[in-house]
C-alpha atoms as a PDB file:
ATOM      1  CA  MET A   1     -14.285  17.838  62.466  1.00  0.00           C
ATOM      2  CA  ARG A   2     -14.711  19.422  58.796  1.00  0.00           C
ATOM      3  CA  ARG A   3     -13.225  22.647  60.054  1.00  0.00           C
ATOM      4  CA  ALA A   4     -10.222  20.695  61.188  1.00  0.00           C
ATOM      5  CA  GLY A   5      -9.678  19.745  57.867  1.00  0.00           C
ATOM      6  CA  GLU A   6     -10.456  22.174  55.862  1.00  0.00           C
ATOM      7  CA  ALA A   7      -7.442  24.084  58.346  1.00  0.00           C
ATOM      8  CA  GLY A   8      -5.156  21.023  57.833  1.00  0.00           C
ATOM      9  CA  LYS A   9      -5.260  21.784  53.763  1.00  0.00           C
ATOM     10  CA  ALA A  10      -5.424  24.969  54.053  1.00  0.00           C
ATOM     11  CA  LEU A  11      -2.187  23.906  56.325  1.00  0.00           C
ATOM     12  CA  TYR A  12      -0.903  21.790  53.751  1.00  0.00           C
ATOM     13  CA  ALA A  13      -1.541  23.940  50.990  1.00  0.00           C
ATOM     14  CA  THR A  14       1.030  26.907  52.591  1.00  0.00           C
ATOM     15  CA  GLY A  15       3.634  24.411  53.202  1.00  0.00           C
ATOM     16  CA  ASN A  16       3.254  24.494  57.220  1.00  0.00           C
ATOM     17  CA  VAL A  17       4.093  20.259  57.279  1.00  0.00           C
ATOM     18  CA  ARG A  18       5.046  20.970  60.637  1.00  0.00           C
ATOM     19  CA  GLN A  19       2.077  22.439  61.510  1.00  0.00           C
ATOM     20  CA  LEU A  20      -0.265  20.204  60.152  1.00  0.00           C
ATOM     21  CA  GLN A  21       1.983  16.943  61.756  1.00  0.00           C
ATOM     22  CA  LYS A  22       1.336  18.784  65.467  1.00  0.00           C
ATOM     23  CA  ILE A  23      -2.719  19.186  64.364  1.00  0.00           C
ATOM     24  CA  GLY A  24      -2.871  15.305  62.789  1.00  0.00           C
ATOM     25  CA  ILE A  25      -0.727  14.224  66.435  1.00  0.00           C
ATOM     26  CA  ILE A  26      -3.140  15.707  68.284  1.00  0.00           C
ATOM     27  CA  ILE A  27      -6.331  14.589  66.523  1.00  0.00           C
ATOM     28  CA  VAL A  28      -5.068  11.271  66.390  1.00  0.00           C
ATOM     29  CA  ALA A  29      -4.590  11.156  70.606  1.00  0.00           C
ATOM     30  CA  GLN A  30      -7.953  12.356  70.524  1.00  0.00           C
ATOM     31  CA  PHE A  31      -9.125  10.015  68.702  1.00  0.00           C
ATOM     32  CA  ILE A  32      -7.646   7.089  70.442  1.00  0.00           C
ATOM     33  CA  ARG A  33      -8.440   8.665  73.740  1.00  0.00           C
ATOM     34  CA  SER A  34     -12.562   8.170  72.950  1.00  0.00           C
ATOM     35  CA  CYS A  35     -12.053   5.487  70.901  1.00  0.00           C
ATOM     36  CA  ASP A  36     -14.322   2.469  71.387  1.00  0.00           C
ATOM     37  CA  GLN A  37     -15.332  -1.043  69.688  1.00  0.00           C
ATOM     38  CA  PHE A  38     -18.678   0.634  68.610  1.00  0.00           C
ATOM     39  CA  THR A  39     -18.180   3.869  67.089  1.00  0.00           C
ATOM     40  CA  PHE A  40     -13.936   2.644  65.829  1.00  0.00           C
ATOM     41  CA  GLY A  41     -15.478   1.830  62.457  1.00  0.00           C
ATOM     42  CA  ILE A  42     -17.141   5.004  61.916  1.00  0.00           C
ATOM     43  CA  LYS A  43     -14.221   7.098  63.037  1.00  0.00           C
ATOM     44  CA  ILE A  44     -11.365   5.784  60.879  1.00  0.00           C
ATOM     45  CA  ARG A  45     -13.936   6.268  58.113  1.00  0.00           C
ATOM     46  CA  MET A  46     -14.250   9.983  59.372  1.00  0.00           C
ATOM     47  CA  LEU A  47     -10.582  10.196  59.670  1.00  0.00           C
ATOM     48  CA  LEU A  48     -10.160   9.017  55.880  1.00  0.00           C
ATOM     49  CA  PHE A  49     -12.457  11.448  54.395  1.00  0.00           C
ATOM     50  CA  LEU A  50     -10.040  13.835  55.805  1.00  0.00           C
ATOM     51  CA  TYR A  51      -6.836  12.771  54.670  1.00  0.00           C
ATOM     52  CA  LEU A  52      -8.129  12.540  51.436  1.00  0.00           C
END
């Protein structure tokens, strides 16, 4: 997950926002698929940490 965050920051720094949005959509889709009530809060925190 940390690698994905670094890649996202690199794309953002180069101004490749469209690519960044595609990656974000993929991450969110996988996140929703792998969700259950127990891990939901933990994964939300991880996503917030990646994007902030």
